[in-house]
C-alpha atoms as a PDB file:
ATOM      1  CA  MET A   1     -11.976 -28.218 -39.295  1.00  0.00           C
ATOM      2  CA  ARG A   2     -15.166 -26.296 -39.218  1.00  0.00           C
ATOM      3  CA  GLY A   3     -15.869 -22.616 -39.836  1.00  0.00           C
ATOM      4  CA  ARG A   4     -18.829 -21.030 -38.225  1.00  0.00           C
ATOM      5  CA  GLY A   5     -20.506 -17.759 -37.704  1.00  0.00           C
ATOM      6  CA  GLU A   6     -20.307 -17.931 -33.962  1.00  0.00           C
ATOM      7  CA  GLY A   7     -17.417 -20.233 -34.033  1.00  0.00           C
ATOM      8  CA  CYS A   8     -14.910 -20.402 -36.747  1.00  0.00           C
ATOM      9  CA  SER A   9     -13.811 -23.694 -37.909  1.00  0.00           C
ATOM     10  CA  ALA A  10     -12.189 -19.992 -37.730  1.00  0.00           C
ATOM     11  CA  GLY A  11     -13.390 -23.431 -36.514  1.00  0.00           C
ATOM     12  CA  THR A  12     -14.553 -22.547 -37.634  1.00  0.00           C
ATOM     13  CA  GLY A  13     -16.753 -20.991 -35.483  1.00  0.00           C
ATOM     14  CA  SER A  14     -16.807 -17.421 -34.483  1.00  0.00           C
ATOM     15  CA  ASP A  15     -18.880 -14.909 -32.699  1.00  0.00           C
ATOM     16  CA  PRO A  16     -20.390 -11.706 -33.875  1.00  0.00           C
ATOM     17  CA  GLY A  17     -19.554  -8.275 -32.767  1.00  0.00           C
ATOM     18  CA  GLY A  18     -16.427  -6.196 -32.603  1.00  0.00           C
ATOM     19  CA  ALA A  19     -13.985  -3.825 -34.175  1.00  0.00           C
ATOM     20  CA  GLY A  20     -10.293  -3.806 -34.682  1.00  0.00           C
ATOM     21  CA  THR A  21      -7.364  -2.791 -36.768  1.00  0.00           C
ATOM     22  CA  GLY A  22      -5.866  -4.717 -39.630  1.00  0.00           C
ATOM     23  CA  ARG A  23      -3.025  -4.596 -42.119  1.00  0.00           C
ATOM     24  CA  ASP A  24      -2.975  -5.303 -45.761  1.00  0.00           C
ATOM     25  CA  GLY A  25      -0.725  -7.793 -47.455  1.00  0.00           C
ATOM     26  CA  SER A  26       1.660  -5.187 -48.764  1.00  0.00           C
ATOM     27  CA  GLY A  27       2.510  -4.128 -45.222  1.00  0.00           C
ATOM     28  CA  LEU A  28       0.529  -0.880 -45.345  1.00  0.00           C
ATOM     29  CA  SER A  29      -1.299  -0.279 -42.131  1.00  0.00           C
ATOM     30  CA  GLY A  30      -4.984   0.564 -42.057  1.00  0.00           C
ATOM     31  CA  ARG A  31      -8.339  -0.311 -40.560  1.00  0.00           C
ATOM     32  CA  SER A  32      -9.899  -3.614 -41.414  1.00  0.00           C
ATOM     33  CA  ALA A  33     -12.172  -3.689 -44.407  1.00  0.00           C
ATOM     34  CA  GLY A  34     -15.409  -4.338 -42.621  1.00  0.00           C
ATOM     35  CA  SER A  35     -15.842  -2.073 -39.617  1.00  0.00           C
ATOM     36  CA  HIS A  36     -18.528  -3.303 -37.271  1.00  0.00           C
ATOM     37  CA  PRO A  37     -21.298  -0.846 -36.489  1.00  0.00           C
ATOM     38  CA  GLU A  38     -20.185  -0.870 -32.857  1.00  0.00           C
ATOM     39  CA  SER A  39     -16.593  -0.063 -33.700  1.00  0.00           C
ATOM     40  CA  GLY A  40     -17.055   3.538 -34.715  1.00  0.00           C
ATOM     41  CA  ALA A  41     -14.401   3.027 -37.382  1.00  0.00           C
ATOM     42  CA  GLU A  42     -15.021   4.749 -40.663  1.00  0.00           C
ATOM     43  CA  SER A  43     -11.673   4.576 -42.443  1.00  0.00           C
ATOM     44  CA  ARG A  44     -11.277   2.208 -45.365  1.00  0.00           C
ATOM     45  CA  PRO A  45      -8.496  -0.327 -45.788  1.00  0.00           C
ATOM     46  CA  ALA A  46      -5.794  -0.161 -48.393  1.00  0.00           C
ATOM     47  CA  PRO A  47      -6.179  -2.650 -51.257  1.00  0.00           C
ATOM     48  CA  CYS A  48      -4.545  -5.915 -50.326  1.00  0.00           C
ATOM     49  CA  ALA A  49      -3.527  -9.255 -51.763  1.00  0.00           C
ATOM     50  CA  ALA A  50      -1.248 -10.715 -49.147  1.00  0.00           C
ATOM     51  CA  HIS A  51      -1.183 -14.184 -50.584  1.00  0.00           C
ATOM     52  CA  ARG A  52      -0.339 -13.086 -54.104  1.00  0.00           C
ATOM     53  CA  ASP A  53       3.433 -13.246 -53.764  1.00  0.00           C
ATOM     54  CA  ASP A  54       3.767 -16.235 -51.432  1.00  0.00           C
ATOM     55  CA  PRO A  55       6.087 -18.733 -53.174  1.00  0.00           C
ATOM     56  CA  ARG A  56       4.910 -21.636 -51.034  1.00  0.00           C
ATOM     57  CA  VAL A  57       1.524 -22.025 -52.650  1.00  0.00           C
ATOM     58  CA  GLU A  58       0.481 -22.838 -56.165  1.00  0.00           C
ATOM     59  CA  ARG A  59      -1.774 -20.413 -57.980  1.00  0.00           C
ATOM     60  CA  ARG A  60      -4.347 -20.896 -60.653  1.00  0.00           C
ATOM     61  CA  PRO A  61      -5.311 -17.990 -62.920  1.00  0.00           C
ATOM     62  CA  PRO A  62      -8.790 -16.542 -62.472  1.00  0.00           C
ATOM     63  CA  ASP A  63     -11.584 -17.834 -64.648  1.00  0.00           C
ATOM     64  CA  SER A  64     -13.686 -14.772 -65.399  1.00  0.00           C
ATOM     65  CA  GLY A  65     -16.503 -16.952 -66.684  1.00  0.00           C
ATOM     66  CA  LEU A  66     -17.169 -18.137 -63.151  1.00  0.00           C
ATOM     67  CA  ARG A  67     -17.141 -14.815 -61.389  1.00  0.00           C
ATOM     68  CA  ASN A  68     -20.882 -14.293 -61.500  1.00  0.00           C
ATOM     69  CA  ARG A  69     -22.111 -17.766 -60.690  1.00  0.00           C
ATOM     70  CA  MET A  70     -21.736 -20.263 -57.900  1.00  0.00           C
ATOM     71  CA  GLU A  71     -21.092 -23.868 -58.805  1.00  0.00           C
ATOM     72  CA  SER A  72     -21.094 -25.634 -55.438  1.00  0.00           C
ATOM     73  CA  ARG A  73     -24.338 -26.919 -54.025  1.00  0.00           C
ATOM     74  CA  PRO A  74     -25.280 -26.314 -50.405  1.00  0.00           C
ATOM     75  CA  ALA A  75     -24.247 -29.126 -48.096  1.00  0.00           C
ATOM     76  CA  ALA A  76     -26.274 -30.354 -45.151  1.00  0.00           C
ATOM     77  CA  GLY A  77     -27.223 -27.478 -42.879  1.00  0.00           C
ATOM     78  CA  GLY A  78     -27.105 -24.918 -45.674  1.00  0.00           C
ATOM     79  CA  ALA A  79     -23.315 -24.622 -45.931  1.00  0.00           C
ATOM     80  CA  ILE A  80     -21.730 -24.279 -49.371  1.00  0.00           C
ATOM     81  CA  LYS A  81     -18.484 -26.067 -50.087  1.00  0.00           C
ATOM     82  CA  PRO A  82     -15.688 -25.367 -49.916  1.00  0.00           C
ATOM     83  CA  GLN A  83     -15.958 -23.089 -46.933  1.00  0.00           C
ATOM     84  CA  LEU A  84     -14.975 -19.469 -47.258  1.00  0.00           C
ATOM     85  CA  HIS A  85     -11.452 -18.728 -46.092  1.00  0.00           C
ATOM     86  CA  MET A  86      -9.962 -15.534 -44.736  1.00  0.00           C
ATOM     87  CA  LEU A  87      -6.428 -14.326 -44.077  1.00  0.00           C
ATOM     88  CA  ARG A  88      -4.956 -11.741 -41.740  1.00  0.00           C
ATOM     89  CA  PRO A  89      -1.731 -10.855 -43.578  1.00  0.00           C
ATOM     90  CA  ASP A  90       0.232 -10.058 -40.436  1.00  0.00           C
ATOM     91  CA  LEU A  91      -0.138 -10.009 -36.672  1.00  0.00           C
ATOM     92  CA  GLU A  92       1.228  -6.542 -36.092  1.00  0.00           C
ATOM     93  CA  ALA A  93      -0.549  -3.628 -34.409  1.00  0.00           C
ATOM     94  CA  LEU A  94      -2.959  -5.826 -32.467  1.00  0.00           C
ATOM     95  CA  PRO A  95      -4.641  -3.972 -29.610  1.00  0.00           C
ATOM     96  CA  ASP A  96      -5.058  -5.557 -26.189  1.00  0.00           C
ATOM     97  CA  PRO A  97      -8.368  -7.334 -25.602  1.00  0.00           C
ATOM     98  CA  ALA A  98     -10.768  -5.320 -23.465  1.00  0.00           C
ATOM     99  CA  PRO A  99     -13.649  -7.567 -22.423  1.00  0.00           C
ATOM    100  CA  PRO A 100     -16.269  -6.162 -20.070  1.00  0.00           C
ATOM    101  CA  ASP A 101     -15.404  -5.821 -16.400  1.00  0.00           C
ATOM    102  CA  GLY A 102     -15.877  -9.072 -14.553  1.00  0.00           C
ATOM    103  CA  CYS A 103     -15.287 -11.149 -17.697  1.00  0.00           C
ATOM    104  CA  PRO A 104     -11.582 -11.998 -17.856  1.00  0.00           C
ATOM    105  CA  ILE A 105      -9.963 -14.130 -20.560  1.00  0.00           C
ATOM    106  CA  ARG A 106      -8.482 -17.381 -19.268  1.00  0.00           C
ATOM    107  CA  PRO A 107      -6.814 -20.417 -20.875  1.00  0.00           C
ATOM    108  CA  PHE A 108      -8.443 -23.830 -20.874  1.00  0.00           C
ATOM    109  CA  ARG A 109      -8.327 -25.765 -17.650  1.00  0.00           C
ATOM    110  CA  PRO A 110      -9.360 -29.362 -16.889  1.00  0.00           C
ATOM    111  CA  GLY A 111     -13.084 -29.579 -16.318  1.00  0.00           C
ATOM    112  CA  TRP A 112     -14.000 -27.039 -18.986  1.00  0.00           C
ATOM    113  CA  GLU A 113     -14.516 -29.637 -21.714  1.00  0.00           C
ATOM    114  CA  ARG A 114     -18.289 -29.603 -21.243  1.00  0.00           C
ATOM    115  CA  ALA A 115     -18.317 -25.799 -21.213  1.00  0.00           C
ATOM    116  CA  TRP A 116     -16.568 -25.776 -24.600  1.00  0.00           C
ATOM    117  CA  GLU A 117     -19.096 -28.249 -26.000  1.00  0.00           C
ATOM    118  CA  ARG A 118     -22.045 -26.211 -24.712  1.00  0.00           C
ATOM    119  CA  ILE A 119     -20.691 -22.976 -26.192  1.00  0.00           C
ATOM    120  CA  ILE A 120     -19.952 -24.520 -29.590  1.00  0.00           C
ATOM    121  CA  ASP A 121     -23.209 -26.520 -29.803  1.00  0.00           C
ATOM    122  CA  GLU A 122     -25.186 -23.381 -29.010  1.00  0.00           C
ATOM    123  CA  SER A 123     -23.114 -21.126 -31.262  1.00  0.00           C
ATOM    124  CA  PHE A 124     -23.469 -23.470 -34.235  1.00  0.00           C
ATOM    125  CA  GLU A 125     -27.155 -24.089 -33.503  1.00  0.00           C
ATOM    126  CA  ALA A 126     -26.464 -27.786 -33.101  1.00  0.00           C
ATOM    127  CA  ALA A 127     -28.188 -30.281 -30.834  1.00  0.00           C
ATOM    128  CA  PRO A 128     -26.563 -30.726 -27.420  1.00  0.00           C
ATOM    129  CA  GLY A 129     -23.769 -33.260 -27.638  1.00  0.00           C
ATOM    130  CA  THR A 130     -23.062 -32.671 -31.328  1.00  0.00           C
ATOM    131  CA  TYR A 131     -19.526 -31.383 -30.806  1.00  0.00           C
ATOM    132  CA  SER A 132     -17.002 -33.361 -28.799  1.00  0.00           C
ATOM    133  CA  PHE A 133     -14.065 -31.602 -27.169  1.00  0.00           C
ATOM    134  CA  GLU A 134     -12.077 -34.815 -27.181  1.00  0.00           C
ATOM    135  CA  LYS A 135     -12.567 -35.518 -30.886  1.00  0.00           C
ATOM    136  CA  THR A 136     -12.442 -31.950 -32.135  1.00  0.00           C
ATOM    137  CA  MET A 137      -9.839 -30.254 -29.956  1.00  0.00           C
ATOM    138  CA  ARG A 138      -7.806 -32.571 -27.738  1.00  0.00           C
ATOM    139  CA  SER A 139      -7.161 -35.164 -30.462  1.00  0.00           C
ATOM    140  CA  ASP A 140      -5.718 -32.530 -32.804  1.00  0.00           C
ATOM    141  CA  PRO A 141      -1.895 -32.393 -32.774  1.00  0.00           C
ATOM    142  CA  SER A 142      -2.259 -28.631 -32.320  1.00  0.00           C
ATOM    143  CA  PHE A 143      -3.819 -29.064 -28.889  1.00  0.00           C
ATOM    144  CA  ARG A 144      -2.243 -27.191 -26.024  1.00  0.00           C
ATOM    145  CA  PRO A 145      -4.350 -25.957 -23.099  1.00  0.00           C
ATOM    146  CA  GLU A 146      -2.962 -22.430 -23.444  1.00  0.00           C
ATOM    147  CA  ARG A 147      -4.136 -22.256 -27.069  1.00  0.00           C
ATOM    148  CA  ILE A 148      -7.825 -22.492 -26.130  1.00  0.00           C
ATOM    149  CA  LEU A 149      -9.026 -19.250 -24.588  1.00  0.00           C
ATOM    150  CA  PHE A 150     -12.253 -18.542 -22.764  1.00  0.00           C
ATOM    151  CA  VAL A 151     -14.060 -15.426 -21.643  1.00  0.00           C
ATOM    152  CA  CYS A 152     -15.381 -16.172 -18.167  1.00  0.00           C
ATOM    153  CA  CYS A 153     -18.135 -14.044 -16.683  1.00  0.00           C
ATOM    154  CA  GLY A 154     -17.936 -14.806 -13.028  1.00  0.00           C
ATOM    155  CA  ASP A 155     -16.895 -18.441 -12.899  1.00  0.00           C
ATOM    156  CA  GLU A 156     -18.774 -19.399 -16.075  1.00  0.00           C
ATOM    157  CA  PRO A 157     -16.972 -19.832 -19.428  1.00  0.00           C
ATOM    158  CA  VAL A 158     -19.239 -18.049 -21.915  1.00  0.00           C
ATOM    159  CA  ALA A 159     -17.092 -17.500 -25.033  1.00  0.00           C
ATOM    160  CA  VAL A 160     -14.186 -19.356 -26.615  1.00  0.00           C
ATOM    161  CA  ALA A 161     -11.640 -19.180 -29.422  1.00  0.00           C
ATOM    162  CA  ALA A 162      -8.601 -21.311 -30.218  1.00  0.00           C
ATOM    163  CA  ALA A 163      -5.202 -20.456 -31.678  1.00  0.00           C
ATOM    164  CA  TYR A 164      -4.340 -23.671 -33.525  1.00  0.00           C
ATOM    165  CA  HIS A 165      -1.701 -24.429 -36.161  1.00  0.00           C
ATOM    166  CA  TRP A 166      -2.031 -26.614 -39.228  1.00  0.00           C
ATOM    167  CA  PRO A 167       1.444 -26.625 -40.771  1.00  0.00           C
ATOM    168  CA  HIS A 168       0.202 -28.606 -43.756  1.00  0.00           C
ATOM    169  CA  ARG A 169      -1.760 -25.492 -44.748  1.00  0.00           C
ATOM    170  CA  MET A 170       0.305 -22.473 -43.710  1.00  0.00           C
ATOM    171  CA  PRO A 171       3.522 -23.236 -41.834  1.00  0.00           C
ATOM    172  CA  ASP A 172       3.995 -19.613 -40.754  1.00  0.00           C
ATOM    173  CA  ALA A 173       0.369 -18.941 -39.815  1.00  0.00           C
ATOM    174  CA  GLY A 174      -1.867 -19.634 -36.868  1.00  0.00           C
ATOM    175  CA  MET A 175      -5.447 -20.742 -37.401  1.00  0.00           C
ATOM    176  CA  LEU A 176      -8.363 -19.084 -35.619  1.00  0.00           C
ATOM    177  CA  HIS A 177     -10.400 -22.133 -34.692  1.00  0.00           C
ATOM    178  CA  TYR A 178     -13.848 -22.765 -33.230  1.00  0.00           C
ATOM    179  CA  VAL A 179     -14.992 -19.404 -31.946  1.00  0.00           C
ATOM    180  CA  GLY A 180     -18.266 -19.311 -30.075  1.00  0.00           C
ATOM    181  CA  VAL A 181     -20.354 -17.291 -27.627  1.00  0.00           C
ATOM    182  CA  LEU A 182     -23.341 -18.352 -25.569  1.00  0.00           C
ATOM    183  CA  LYS A 183     -26.529 -16.719 -26.815  1.00  0.00           C
ATOM    184  CA  ALA A 184     -27.227 -15.045 -23.484  1.00  0.00           C
ATOM    185  CA  TYR A 185     -23.908 -13.189 -23.733  1.00  0.00           C
ATOM    186  CA  ARG A 186     -23.994 -12.001 -27.326  1.00  0.00           C
ATOM    187  CA  GLY A 187     -23.948  -8.335 -28.194  1.00  0.00           C
ATOM    188  CA  ARG A 188     -21.071  -7.613 -25.799  1.00  0.00           C
ATOM    189  CA  ARG A 189     -18.256  -8.133 -28.337  1.00  0.00           C
ATOM    190  CA  LEU A 190     -16.967 -11.150 -26.438  1.00  0.00           C
ATOM    191  CA  GLY A 191     -16.303 -13.013 -29.688  1.00  0.00           C
ATOM    192  CA  PHE A 192     -14.156 -10.156 -30.897  1.00  0.00           C
ATOM    193  CA  HIS A 193     -12.112  -9.945 -27.713  1.00  0.00           C
ATOM    194  CA  VAL A 194     -11.553 -13.681 -27.292  1.00  0.00           C
ATOM    195  CA  SER A 195     -10.558 -13.931 -30.975  1.00  0.00           C
ATOM    196  CA  LEU A 196      -8.161 -11.035 -30.484  1.00  0.00           C
ATOM    197  CA  ALA A 197      -6.625 -12.876 -27.533  1.00  0.00           C
ATOM    198  CA  ALA A 198      -6.157 -15.910 -29.784  1.00  0.00           C
ATOM    199  CA  LEU A 199      -4.377 -13.759 -32.389  1.00  0.00           C
ATOM    200  CA  LEU A 200      -2.076 -12.394 -29.710  1.00  0.00           C
ATOM    201  CA  ARG A 201      -1.360 -15.968 -28.654  1.00  0.00           C
ATOM    202  CA  MET A 202      -0.377 -16.807 -32.228  1.00  0.00           C
ATOM    203  CA  ARG A 203       1.945 -13.822 -32.368  1.00  0.00           C
ATOM    204  CA  GLY A 204       3.498 -14.834 -29.067  1.00  0.00           C
ATOM    205  CA  GLU A 205       4.273 -18.250 -30.543  1.00  0.00           C
ATOM    206  CA  GLY A 206       6.079 -16.612 -33.454  1.00  0.00           C
ATOM    207  CA  PHE A 207       3.476 -16.938 -36.199  1.00  0.00           C
ATOM    208  CA  ARG A 208       3.516 -14.206 -38.828  1.00  0.00           C
ATOM    209  CA  ARG A 209      -0.128 -14.251 -39.931  1.00  0.00           C
ATOM    210  CA  ALA A 210      -3.466 -15.979 -39.322  1.00  0.00           C
ATOM    211  CA  TRP A 211      -6.178 -17.680 -41.351  1.00  0.00           C
ATOM    212  CA  LEU A 212      -9.626 -19.141 -40.774  1.00  0.00           C
ATOM    213  CA  SER A 213     -12.540 -20.749 -42.534  1.00  0.00           C
ATOM    214  CA  THR A 214     -16.240 -20.054 -42.123  1.00  0.00           C
ATOM    215  CA  ASP A 215     -19.605 -20.331 -43.852  1.00  0.00           C
ATOM    216  CA  ASP A 216     -21.347 -17.856 -46.132  1.00  0.00           C
ATOM    217  CA  PHE A 217     -24.418 -17.527 -43.915  1.00  0.00           C
ATOM    218  CA  ARG A 218     -22.484 -16.708 -40.725  1.00  0.00           C
ATOM    219  CA  LEU A 219     -22.681 -12.994 -41.306  1.00  0.00           C
ATOM    220  CA  PRO A 220     -22.118 -11.808 -37.706  1.00  0.00           C
ATOM    221  CA  ALA A 221     -18.923 -13.869 -37.568  1.00  0.00           C
ATOM    222  CA  ILE A 222     -17.702 -12.514 -40.888  1.00  0.00           C
ATOM    223  CA  LYS A 223     -18.275  -8.977 -39.588  1.00  0.00           C
ATOM    224  CA  THR A 224     -16.101  -9.815 -36.607  1.00  0.00           C
ATOM    225  CA  TYR A 225     -13.356 -11.274 -38.790  1.00  0.00           C
ATOM    226  CA  LEU A 226     -13.334  -8.183 -40.976  1.00  0.00           C
ATOM    227  CA  ASP A 227     -13.104  -6.037 -37.862  1.00  0.00           C
ATOM    228  CA  LEU A 228     -10.121  -8.116 -36.773  1.00  0.00           C
ATOM    229  CA  GLY A 229      -8.302  -7.334 -40.016  1.00  0.00           C
ATOM    230  CA  PHE A 230      -9.083 -10.495 -41.981  1.00  0.00           C
ATOM    231  CA  GLN A 231      -9.705 -10.369 -45.734  1.00  0.00           C
ATOM    232  CA  PRO A 232     -11.020 -12.913 -48.247  1.00  0.00           C
ATOM    233  CA  LEU A 233      -8.683 -15.711 -49.316  1.00  0.00           C
ATOM    234  CA  LEU A 234      -9.848 -17.464 -52.482  1.00  0.00           C
ATOM    235  CA  ILE A 235      -9.409 -21.231 -52.563  1.00  0.00           C
ATOM    236  CA  HIS A 236     -12.084 -21.958 -55.209  1.00  0.00           C
ATOM    237  CA  GLU A 237     -13.471 -20.186 -58.253  1.00  0.00           C
ATOM    238  CA  ASN A 238     -17.009 -20.165 -56.874  1.00  0.00           C
ATOM    239  CA  GLN A 239     -15.908 -17.971 -53.987  1.00  0.00           C
ATOM    240  CA  ARG A 240     -15.636 -14.865 -56.155  1.00  0.00           C
ATOM    241  CA  ALA A 241     -19.414 -14.660 -56.521  1.00  0.00           C
ATOM    242  CA  ARG A 242     -20.011 -15.919 -53.010  1.00  0.00           C
ATOM    243  CA  TRP A 243     -17.976 -13.103 -51.450  1.00  0.00           C
ATOM    244  CA  ALA A 244     -19.842 -10.572 -53.552  1.00  0.00           C
ATOM    245  CA  ALA A 245     -23.102 -12.026 -52.241  1.00  0.00           C
ATOM    246  CA  VAL A 246     -21.836 -11.950 -48.647  1.00  0.00           C
ATOM    247  CA  PHE A 247     -20.875  -8.281 -48.903  1.00  0.00           C
ATOM    248  CA  GLU A 248     -24.272  -7.479 -50.370  1.00  0.00           C
ATOM    249  CA  ARG A 249     -26.047  -9.272 -47.517  1.00  0.00           C
ATOM    250  CA  LEU A 250     -23.894  -7.392 -45.031  1.00  0.00           C
ATOM    251  CA  GLY A 251     -24.906  -4.116 -46.662  1.00  0.00           C
ATOM    252  CA  ARG A 252     -21.236  -3.579 -47.512  1.00  0.00           C
ATOM    253  CA  LYS A 253     -21.036  -3.636 -51.285  1.00  0.00           C
ATOM    254  CA  ASP A 254     -18.444  -0.892 -50.850  1.00  0.00           C
ATOM    255  CA  LEU A 255     -15.998  -3.636 -49.809  1.00  0.00           C
ATOM    256  CA  LEU A 256     -15.909  -4.946 -53.368  1.00  0.00           C
ATOM    257  CA  ARG A 257     -13.619  -2.101 -54.329  1.00  0.00           C
ATOM    258  CA  PRO A 258     -10.839  -2.491 -51.710  1.00  0.00           C
ATOM    259  CA  PHE A 259     -10.899  -6.258 -52.175  1.00  0.00           C
ATOM    260  CA  ALA A 260     -11.110  -6.160 -55.984  1.00  0.00           C
ATOM    261  CA  GLY A 261      -7.494  -7.267 -56.355  1.00  0.00           C
ATOM    262  CA  ILE A 262      -8.190 -10.388 -54.314  1.00  0.00           C
ATOM    263  CA  LEU A 263     -11.607 -11.259 -55.726  1.00  0.00           C
ATOM    264  CA  GLY A 264     -10.336 -10.797 -59.274  1.00  0.00           C
ATOM    265  CA  GLY A 265      -6.973 -12.423 -58.626  1.00  0.00           C
ATOM    266  CA  PRO A 266      -5.666 -15.982 -58.623  1.00  0.00           C
ATOM    267  CA  VAL A 267      -7.072 -18.853 -56.602  1.00  0.00           C
ATOM    268  CA  VAL A 268      -4.737 -20.217 -53.951  1.00  0.00           C
ATOM    269  CA  ALA A 269      -4.234 -23.975 -53.966  1.00  0.00           C
ATOM    270  CA  TRP A 270      -3.444 -25.492 -50.591  1.00  0.00           C
ATOM    271  CA  PRO A 271      -0.166 -27.433 -50.533  1.00  0.00           C
ATOM    272  CA  ASP A 272      -2.015 -30.495 -49.184  1.00  0.00           C
ATOM    273  CA  GLY A 273      -4.756 -30.365 -51.793  1.00  0.00           C
ATOM    274  CA  GLY A 274      -7.295 -28.621 -49.587  1.00  0.00           C
ATOM    275  CA  GLY A 275      -8.961 -31.503 -47.800  1.00  0.00           C
ATOM    276  CA  GLU A 276      -9.979 -31.105 -44.187  1.00  0.00           C
ATOM    277  CA  ARG A 277      -7.757 -32.890 -41.709  1.00  0.00           C
ATOM    278  CA  ARG A 278      -9.639 -35.275 -39.456  1.00  0.00           C
END
């Protein structure tokens, strides 16, 4: 799986722009931690550590000696491993998507494979033909046409997000996967609305929460995820310092306080050991 700024390997690939409500892990309602400038939201979230009491995952105690340094080296393309992960602790209180007039949200239909590839290649700043719908999406056991959602302006698919499920990671959670928006259509919050539609799809399938992965440098995507109610989910010690750096680059050092319990808490170990499924 891949996590991207315009596409989340969420996907991870995900698009910038948007605002939304979120809930913390203790079940207290509140706005998401990172309100997008376009959202108009000013309220701060309640402190949250939704994964702290989950008996299904192993925890390792924090190593304070690593909090202020980053051990992983950048991989090809500038990404640092492992990817950053985020969690939306529940799927309650989701608003309805409200894309611009003339841009409805529609599920995947045959013939849109090339549209998906174009959106993701462009969103991830990859050469045309880099991403294959067949290899990335259809070959995954999670694939169902209704789980891949597009914003279509006119007859053209211009934004996409998927509501996949990797039970080897979180049996009760959906995964926001490969979010992307064509460059010509950015700035209209399409990534936010198509991602919101994917979250609603997850809820409709009975999932209790959602997770994603992304890269440190995909700041517009991370803004969108925060607006959607996602919060950091630590899967490696080096991510404590990396999240602090991300918030600084976003101009949101104020987020260190509401997320202090997570960033200073235990690291979550994936039940399957954390490797990406191919």
